[in-house]
Amino acid sequence: MSVAVESLLIDLGFVPHDGQHGPSGSVLSFNFGNLILTATPVANRWMQDVWSFGGVANDSRSLAHIEFEMPLAVESVEQGTAWIAEHVNRQVCLRHVPKWLEVGLGWRDELPWRKELKRYNERPFCRVEREWFRLPCKALRLAAEEARADERAELSFDGTVLRVALPNRVVAVPASGERWNQTVAVLLTELRHLPRRLMSQSVEVSHLQDHLTIGRLRLPLVNHDAAVSPSR
């Protein structure tokens, strides 16, 4: 369940800023002693409704301009608090550090870009040496050129062998990496985009959320909402 950023700001202690109003509502602010951070509801350069934060901090040795955006709603109180704490804390030594800011710094793993990075780092992948992948790559490309529009190629990896199951045969190639816990599929016709020349010493094959990546080629999965099918 999402949390409205406006409600979060009020709960954190943001107050109306001198009666000011932005294009979409009241401007809120928080006084950190040497920084008054304002939050204004606006439409950004991409015409998305956001909260725009800004302020100038002075720590007696330097000035720091703080500027960042947040959406109108976040996934949780933890995420929203961490979002503000991350941007404010990295800029300057604050004179007044509220408890919520210290707590928010401990919730950094809830930030959307850190969660996305974690998902990427934990994505299922394997690596195939170029010499091993050359012939299978050609075979898959030729099969794709002859395939019907609805035919699929299903990929699985058992920790030693990458298998690509086609409608009438299986193409297998030695690979290295951690075993995948599911089989994924793409439209076979999409494999016609496989490169004719392999430039790198090895080719990474991975999948994340709704797409499969083979080297630099990125293909949409056709079964990412289907039931998990374990690799054999």
C-alpha atoms as a PDB file:
ATOM      1  CA  MET A   1       0.000   0.000   0.000  1.00  0.00           C
ATOM      2  CA  SER A   2       1.487   3.331  -1.052  1.00  0.00           C
ATOM      3  CA  VAL A   3       2.016   6.328   1.219  1.00  0.00           C
ATOM      4  CA  ALA A   4       1.197   9.902   0.166  1.00  0.00           C
ATOM      5  CA  VAL A   5       4.329  12.025   0.399  1.00  0.00           C
ATOM      6  CA  GLU A   6       2.346  15.006   1.673  1.00  0.00           C
ATOM      7  CA  SER A   7       1.104  12.989   4.668  1.00  0.00           C
ATOM      8  CA  LEU A   8       4.611  11.675   5.270  1.00  0.00           C
ATOM      9  CA  LEU A   9       6.095  15.176   5.281  1.00  0.00           C
ATOM     10  CA  ILE A  10       3.564  16.397   7.817  1.00  0.00           C
ATOM     11  CA  ASP A  11       4.246  13.378  10.033  1.00  0.00           C
ATOM     12  CA  LEU A  12       7.989  14.112   9.853  1.00  0.00           C
ATOM     13  CA  GLY A  13       7.430  17.675  11.033  1.00  0.00           C
ATOM     14  CA  PHE A  14       7.257  19.690   7.818  1.00  0.00           C
ATOM     15  CA  VAL A  15       5.047  22.758   8.227  1.00  0.00           C
ATOM     16  CA  PRO A  16       3.433  25.290   5.836  1.00  0.00           C
ATOM     17  CA  HIS A  17       6.152  27.611   4.562  1.00  0.00           C
ATOM     18  CA  ASP A  18       5.141  31.235   5.231  1.00  0.00           C
ATOM     19  CA  GLY A  19       1.746  30.763   3.616  1.00  0.00           C
ATOM     20  CA  GLN A  20       3.302  30.047   0.211  1.00  0.00           C
ATOM     21  CA  HIS A  21       1.537  27.941  -2.399  1.00  0.00           C
ATOM     22  CA  GLY A  22       2.941  26.088  -5.359  1.00  0.00           C
ATOM     23  CA  PRO A  23       1.070  25.371  -8.588  1.00  0.00           C
ATOM     24  CA  SER A  24      -0.561  22.290  -7.038  1.00  0.00           C
ATOM     25  CA  GLY A  25      -0.828  23.084  -3.335  1.00  0.00           C
ATOM     26  CA  SER A  26       0.847  24.383  -0.193  1.00  0.00           C
ATOM     27  CA  VAL A  27       4.625  24.641   0.121  1.00  0.00           C
ATOM     28  CA  LEU A  28       5.960  22.770   3.157  1.00  0.00           C
ATOM     29  CA  SER A  29       9.316  23.223   4.880  1.00  0.00           C
ATOM     30  CA  PHE A  30      11.564  21.783   7.589  1.00  0.00           C
ATOM     31  CA  ASN A  31      14.155  23.806   9.513  1.00  0.00           C
ATOM     32  CA  PHE A  32      17.430  21.958  10.082  1.00  0.00           C
ATOM     33  CA  GLY A  33      19.037  24.997  11.705  1.00  0.00           C
ATOM     34  CA  ASN A  34      21.382  25.830   8.868  1.00  0.00           C
ATOM     35  CA  LEU A  35      19.045  24.601   6.131  1.00  0.00           C
ATOM     36  CA  ILE A  36      15.402  25.325   5.465  1.00  0.00           C
ATOM     37  CA  LEU A  37      14.311  22.559   3.134  1.00  0.00           C
ATOM     38  CA  THR A  38      11.165  23.404   1.173  1.00  0.00           C
ATOM     39  CA  ALA A  39       8.890  20.915  -0.579  1.00  0.00           C
ATOM     40  CA  THR A  40       6.672  22.195  -3.380  1.00  0.00           C
ATOM     41  CA  PRO A  41       4.085  20.181  -5.356  1.00  0.00           C
ATOM     42  CA  VAL A  42       4.768  20.918  -9.039  1.00  0.00           C
ATOM     43  CA  ALA A  43       4.781  19.426 -12.516  1.00  0.00           C
ATOM     44  CA  ASN A  44       8.386  18.706 -13.492  1.00  0.00           C
ATOM     45  CA  ARG A  45      10.037  19.064 -16.909  1.00  0.00           C
ATOM     46  CA  TRP A  46       8.425  15.811 -18.071  1.00  0.00           C
ATOM     47  CA  MET A  47       5.012  17.104 -16.941  1.00  0.00           C
ATOM     48  CA  GLN A  48       4.875  14.589 -14.092  1.00  0.00           C
ATOM     49  CA  ASP A  49       3.322  15.651 -10.790  1.00  0.00           C
ATOM     50  CA  VAL A  50       6.043  15.504  -8.139  1.00  0.00           C
ATOM     51  CA  TRP A  51       7.251  17.060  -4.920  1.00  0.00           C
ATOM     52  CA  SER A  52      10.220  19.330  -5.640  1.00  0.00           C
ATOM     53  CA  PHE A  53      12.638  19.839  -2.738  1.00  0.00           C
ATOM     54  CA  GLY A  54      15.142  22.663  -2.472  1.00  0.00           C
ATOM     55  CA  GLY A  55      17.217  24.725  -0.097  1.00  0.00           C
ATOM     56  CA  VAL A  56      20.643  26.208   0.581  1.00  0.00           C
ATOM     57  CA  ALA A  57      22.665  24.867   3.522  1.00  0.00           C
ATOM     58  CA  ASN A  58      25.492  26.735   5.238  1.00  0.00           C
ATOM     59  CA  ASP A  59      27.878  24.842   7.513  1.00  0.00           C
ATOM     60  CA  SER A  60      30.165  27.898   8.137  1.00  0.00           C
ATOM     61  CA  ARG A  61      32.769  26.636   5.680  1.00  0.00           C
ATOM     62  CA  SER A  62      30.731  26.237   2.517  1.00  0.00           C
ATOM     63  CA  LEU A  63      27.341  26.569   0.916  1.00  0.00           C
ATOM     64  CA  ALA A  64      25.497  23.601  -0.529  1.00  0.00           C
ATOM     65  CA  HIS A  65      22.479  23.790  -2.805  1.00  0.00           C
ATOM     66  CA  ILE A  66      20.075  20.892  -2.280  1.00  0.00           C
ATOM     67  CA  GLU A  67      17.613  19.960  -4.991  1.00  0.00           C
ATOM     68  CA  PHE A  68      15.761  16.703  -5.627  1.00  0.00           C
ATOM     69  CA  GLU A  69      12.330  15.323  -6.471  1.00  0.00           C
ATOM     70  CA  MET A  70       9.990  12.711  -5.083  1.00  0.00           C
ATOM     71  CA  PRO A  71       6.805  11.246  -6.579  1.00  0.00           C
ATOM     72  CA  LEU A  72       3.453  12.075  -5.032  1.00  0.00           C
ATOM     73  CA  ALA A  73       3.420   8.663  -3.339  1.00  0.00           C
ATOM     74  CA  VAL A  74       6.090   6.181  -2.253  1.00  0.00           C
ATOM     75  CA  GLU A  75       5.990   2.478  -1.434  1.00  0.00           C
ATOM     76  CA  SER A  76       6.308   2.923   2.330  1.00  0.00           C
ATOM     77  CA  VAL A  77       7.118   5.310   5.172  1.00  0.00           C
ATOM     78  CA  GLU A  78      10.577   3.749   5.303  1.00  0.00           C
ATOM     79  CA  GLN A  79      11.222   4.435   1.632  1.00  0.00           C
ATOM     80  CA  GLY A  80      10.003   8.032   1.793  1.00  0.00           C
ATOM     81  CA  THR A  81      11.992   8.828   4.932  1.00  0.00           C
ATOM     82  CA  ALA A  82      15.132   7.265   3.469  1.00  0.00           C
ATOM     83  CA  TRP A  83      14.630   9.245   0.230  1.00  0.00           C
ATOM     84  CA  ILE A  84      14.753  12.577   2.055  1.00  0.00           C
ATOM     85  CA  ALA A  85      17.522  11.525   4.438  1.00  0.00           C
ATOM     86  CA  GLU A  86      19.717  10.278   1.596  1.00  0.00           C
ATOM     87  CA  HIS A  87      19.587  13.571  -0.304  1.00  0.00           C
ATOM     88  CA  VAL A  88      19.906  15.844   2.701  1.00  0.00           C
ATOM     89  CA  ASN A  89      22.638  13.943   4.531  1.00  0.00           C
ATOM     90  CA  ARG A  90      25.008  13.704   1.556  1.00  0.00           C
ATOM     91  CA  GLN A  91      25.182  17.484   1.112  1.00  0.00           C
ATOM     92  CA  VAL A  92      26.163  19.164   4.358  1.00  0.00           C
ATOM     93  CA  CYS A  93      26.729  18.844   8.111  1.00  0.00           C
ATOM     94  CA  LEU A  94      23.386  19.829   9.595  1.00  0.00           C
ATOM     95  CA  ARG A  95      23.058  21.906  12.741  1.00  0.00           C
ATOM     96  CA  HIS A  96      19.862  20.138  13.770  1.00  0.00           C
ATOM     97  CA  VAL A  97      19.595  16.422  12.973  1.00  0.00           C
ATOM     98  CA  PRO A  98      16.123  15.076  13.756  1.00  0.00           C
ATOM     99  CA  LYS A  99      15.745  11.482  14.856  1.00  0.00           C
ATOM    100  CA  TRP A 100      13.781  10.581  11.736  1.00  0.00           C
ATOM    101  CA  LEU A 101      16.714  11.549   9.537  1.00  0.00           C
ATOM    102  CA  GLU A 102      19.084   9.271  11.444  1.00  0.00           C
ATOM    103  CA  VAL A 103      16.551   6.452  11.255  1.00  0.00           C
ATOM    104  CA  GLY A 104      15.974   7.110   7.557  1.00  0.00           C
ATOM    105  CA  LEU A 105      19.646   6.606   6.789  1.00  0.00           C
ATOM    106  CA  GLY A 106      19.271   3.076   8.105  1.00  0.00           C
ATOM    107  CA  TRP A 107      16.477   2.429   5.588  1.00  0.00           C
ATOM    108  CA  ARG A 108      18.594   3.098   2.489  1.00  0.00           C
ATOM    109  CA  ASP A 109      17.974  -0.385   1.129  1.00  0.00           C
ATOM    110  CA  GLU A 110      14.310   0.637   0.671  1.00  0.00           C
ATOM    111  CA  LEU A 111      15.247   3.289  -1.903  1.00  0.00           C
ATOM    112  CA  PRO A 112      13.925   2.324  -5.356  1.00  0.00           C
ATOM    113  CA  TRP A 113      17.279   2.669  -7.126  1.00  0.00           C
ATOM    114  CA  ARG A 114      19.018   0.513  -4.489  1.00  0.00           C
ATOM    115  CA  LYS A 115      16.275  -2.108  -4.721  1.00  0.00           C
ATOM    116  CA  GLU A 116      16.622  -2.090  -8.504  1.00  0.00           C
ATOM    117  CA  LEU A 117      20.400  -2.489  -8.227  1.00  0.00           C
ATOM    118  CA  LYS A 118      19.934  -5.417  -5.840  1.00  0.00           C
ATOM    119  CA  ARG A 119      17.527  -7.101  -8.262  1.00  0.00           C
ATOM    120  CA  TYR A 120      20.042  -6.588 -11.067  1.00  0.00           C
ATOM    121  CA  ASN A 121      22.947  -7.993  -9.059  1.00  0.00           C
ATOM    122  CA  GLU A 122      20.862 -11.033  -8.086  1.00  0.00           C
ATOM    123  CA  ARG A 123      19.514 -11.677 -11.589  1.00  0.00           C
ATOM    124  CA  PRO A 124      19.881 -15.230 -12.962  1.00  0.00           C
ATOM    125  CA  PHE A 125      22.687 -15.303 -15.509  1.00  0.00           C
ATOM    126  CA  CYS A 126      25.285 -17.542 -17.081  1.00  0.00           C
ATOM    127  CA  ARG A 127      28.311 -16.937 -19.225  1.00  0.00           C
ATOM    128  CA  VAL A 128      29.165 -18.759 -22.453  1.00  0.00           C
ATOM    129  CA  GLU A 129      32.620 -18.630 -24.028  1.00  0.00           C
ATOM    130  CA  ARG A 130      32.602 -17.103 -27.501  1.00  0.00           C
ATOM    131  CA  GLU A 131      33.971 -20.223 -29.219  1.00  0.00           C
ATOM    132  CA  TRP A 132      31.248 -22.376 -27.646  1.00  0.00           C
ATOM    133  CA  PHE A 133      28.456 -19.947 -28.535  1.00  0.00           C
ATOM    134  CA  ARG A 134      29.334 -19.315 -32.173  1.00  0.00           C
ATOM    135  CA  LEU A 135      27.704 -22.416 -33.739  1.00  0.00           C
ATOM    136  CA  PRO A 136      24.604 -22.446 -31.467  1.00  0.00           C
ATOM    137  CA  CYS A 137      24.146 -18.752 -32.187  1.00  0.00           C
ATOM    138  CA  LYS A 138      24.059 -19.450 -35.935  1.00  0.00           C
ATOM    139  CA  ALA A 139      21.687 -22.399 -35.466  1.00  0.00           C
ATOM    140  CA  LEU A 140      19.301 -20.308 -33.367  1.00  0.00           C
ATOM    141  CA  ARG A 141      19.346 -17.458 -35.847  1.00  0.00           C
ATOM    142  CA  LEU A 142      18.526 -19.811 -38.743  1.00  0.00           C
ATOM    143  CA  ALA A 143      15.743 -21.473 -36.732  1.00  0.00           C
ATOM    144  CA  ALA A 144      14.295 -18.049 -35.963  1.00  0.00           C
ATOM    145  CA  GLU A 145      14.213 -17.110 -39.629  1.00  0.00           C
ATOM    146  CA  GLU A 146      12.115 -20.207 -40.405  1.00  0.00           C
ATOM    147  CA  ALA A 147       9.864 -20.057 -37.319  1.00  0.00           C
ATOM    148  CA  ARG A 148       6.163 -19.332 -37.163  1.00  0.00           C
ATOM    149  CA  ALA A 149       5.159 -16.119 -35.399  1.00  0.00           C
ATOM    150  CA  ASP A 150       3.846 -17.923 -32.302  1.00  0.00           C
ATOM    151  CA  GLU A 151       6.680 -20.419 -31.771  1.00  0.00           C
ATOM    152  CA  ARG A 152       8.775 -20.038 -28.649  1.00  0.00           C
ATOM    153  CA  ALA A 153      12.319 -20.717 -27.535  1.00  0.00           C
ATOM    154  CA  GLU A 154      12.587 -21.813 -23.893  1.00  0.00           C
ATOM    155  CA  LEU A 155      15.857 -21.240 -22.048  1.00  0.00           C
ATOM    156  CA  SER A 156      17.068 -23.003 -18.917  1.00  0.00           C
ATOM    157  CA  PHE A 157      20.419 -23.347 -17.157  1.00  0.00           C
ATOM    158  CA  ASP A 158      21.354 -26.146 -14.743  1.00  0.00           C
ATOM    159  CA  GLY A 159      24.679 -24.701 -13.606  1.00  0.00           C
ATOM    160  CA  THR A 160      26.782 -26.276 -16.377  1.00  0.00           C
ATOM    161  CA  VAL A 161      24.701 -26.326 -19.568  1.00  0.00           C
ATOM    162  CA  LEU A 162      22.514 -23.647 -21.140  1.00  0.00           C
ATOM    163  CA  ARG A 163      19.631 -25.278 -23.013  1.00  0.00           C
ATOM    164  CA  VAL A 164      17.440 -23.615 -25.602  1.00  0.00           C
ATOM    165  CA  ALA A 165      14.387 -25.766 -26.318  1.00  0.00           C
ATOM    166  CA  LEU A 166      12.968 -25.160 -29.803  1.00  0.00           C
ATOM    167  CA  PRO A 167       9.734 -26.658 -31.170  1.00  0.00           C
ATOM    168  CA  ASN A 168      11.560 -29.625 -32.755  1.00  0.00           C
ATOM    169  CA  ARG A 169      14.965 -29.832 -31.035  1.00  0.00           C
ATOM    170  CA  VAL A 170      17.159 -28.628 -28.197  1.00  0.00           C
ATOM    171  CA  VAL A 171      20.303 -26.538 -28.604  1.00  0.00           C
ATOM    172  CA  ALA A 172      22.698 -26.980 -25.685  1.00  0.00           C
ATOM    173  CA  VAL A 173      25.977 -25.239 -24.909  1.00  0.00           C
ATOM    174  CA  PRO A 174      28.382 -25.380 -21.913  1.00  0.00           C
ATOM    175  CA  ALA A 175      28.144 -22.327 -19.656  1.00  0.00           C
ATOM    176  CA  SER A 176      29.243 -21.143 -16.218  1.00  0.00           C
ATOM    177  CA  GLY A 177      27.249 -19.539 -13.427  1.00  0.00           C
ATOM    178  CA  GLU A 178      24.635 -20.302 -10.789  1.00  0.00           C
ATOM    179  CA  ARG A 179      21.730 -22.608 -11.646  1.00  0.00           C
ATOM    180  CA  TRP A 180      18.512 -20.840 -12.653  1.00  0.00           C
ATOM    181  CA  ASN A 181      15.399 -21.768 -10.708  1.00  0.00           C
ATOM    182  CA  GLN A 182      13.076 -21.257 -13.651  1.00  0.00           C
ATOM    183  CA  THR A 183      12.760 -21.644 -17.386  1.00  0.00           C
ATOM    184  CA  VAL A 184      12.049 -18.525 -19.424  1.00  0.00           C
ATOM    185  CA  ALA A 185      10.801 -18.118 -22.967  1.00  0.00           C
ATOM    186  CA  VAL A 186      10.965 -15.653 -25.842  1.00  0.00           C
ATOM    187  CA  LEU A 187       9.358 -15.703 -29.251  1.00  0.00           C
ATOM    188  CA  LEU A 188      11.647 -17.760 -31.445  1.00  0.00           C
ATOM    189  CA  THR A 189      11.425 -15.200 -34.243  1.00  0.00           C
ATOM    190  CA  GLU A 190      13.140 -12.653 -31.952  1.00  0.00           C
ATOM    191  CA  LEU A 191      16.348 -14.690 -32.064  1.00  0.00           C
ATOM    192  CA  ARG A 192      16.870 -13.641 -35.669  1.00  0.00           C
ATOM    193  CA  HIS A 193      18.465 -10.526 -34.145  1.00  0.00           C
ATOM    194  CA  LEU A 194      21.347 -12.530 -32.666  1.00  0.00           C
ATOM    195  CA  PRO A 195      24.662 -11.090 -33.871  1.00  0.00           C
ATOM    196  CA  ARG A 196      26.482 -12.665 -36.796  1.00  0.00           C
ATOM    197  CA  ARG A 197      29.811 -11.748 -35.242  1.00  0.00           C
ATOM    198  CA  LEU A 198      30.674 -12.124 -31.567  1.00  0.00           C
ATOM    199  CA  MET A 199      33.099  -9.449 -30.459  1.00  0.00           C
ATOM    200  CA  SER A 200      33.616 -10.194 -26.752  1.00  0.00           C
ATOM    201  CA  GLN A 201      35.447 -13.189 -25.309  1.00  0.00           C
ATOM    202  CA  SER A 202      32.269 -14.448 -23.676  1.00  0.00           C
ATOM    203  CA  VAL A 203      28.524 -13.889 -23.931  1.00  0.00           C
ATOM    204  CA  GLU A 204      26.320 -13.294 -20.902  1.00  0.00           C
ATOM    205  CA  VAL A 205      22.796 -14.664 -20.948  1.00  0.00           C
ATOM    206  CA  SER A 206      20.515 -13.368 -18.189  1.00  0.00           C
ATOM    207  CA  HIS A 207      16.910 -12.568 -17.401  1.00  0.00           C
ATOM    208  CA  LEU A 208      15.393  -9.914 -15.198  1.00  0.00           C
ATOM    209  CA  GLN A 209      11.707  -9.129 -14.652  1.00  0.00           C
ATOM    210  CA  ASP A 210      10.192  -9.095 -18.152  1.00  0.00           C
ATOM    211  CA  HIS A 211      13.156  -9.400 -20.474  1.00  0.00           C
ATOM    212  CA  LEU A 212      15.995 -11.698 -21.532  1.00  0.00           C
ATOM    213  CA  THR A 213      19.446 -10.387 -22.372  1.00  0.00           C
ATOM    214  CA  ILE A 214      21.892 -12.189 -24.645  1.00  0.00           C
ATOM    215  CA  GLY A 215      25.037 -10.113 -24.890  1.00  0.00           C
ATOM    216  CA  ARG A 216      23.747  -6.703 -25.986  1.00  0.00           C
ATOM    217  CA  LEU A 217      20.488  -8.087 -27.331  1.00  0.00           C
ATOM    218  CA  ARG A 218      17.440  -7.449 -25.108  1.00  0.00           C
ATOM    219  CA  LEU A 219      14.286  -9.461 -25.789  1.00  0.00           C
ATOM    220  CA  PRO A 220      10.835  -9.443 -24.113  1.00  0.00           C
ATOM    221  CA  LEU A 221       9.864 -12.577 -22.221  1.00  0.00           C
ATOM    222  CA  VAL A 222       6.585 -14.200 -23.188  1.00  0.00           C
ATOM    223  CA  ASN A 223       6.073 -16.240 -20.015  1.00  0.00           C
ATOM    224  CA  HIS A 224       7.195 -13.942 -17.195  1.00  0.00           C
ATOM    225  CA  ASP A 225       3.697 -14.031 -15.693  1.00  0.00           C
ATOM    226  CA  ALA A 226       3.372 -17.783 -16.060  1.00  0.00           C
ATOM    227  CA  ALA A 227       4.084 -20.429 -13.459  1.00  0.00           C
ATOM    228  CA  VAL A 228       7.718 -21.134 -12.632  1.00  0.00           C
ATOM    229  CA  SER A 229       9.178 -24.103 -14.457  1.00  0.00           C
ATOM    230  CA  PRO A 230      12.327 -25.453 -12.761  1.00  0.00           C
ATOM    231  CA  SER A 231      15.409 -26.165 -14.846  1.00  0.00           C
ATOM    232  CA  ARG A 232      16.396 -29.780 -15.266  1.00  0.00           C
END
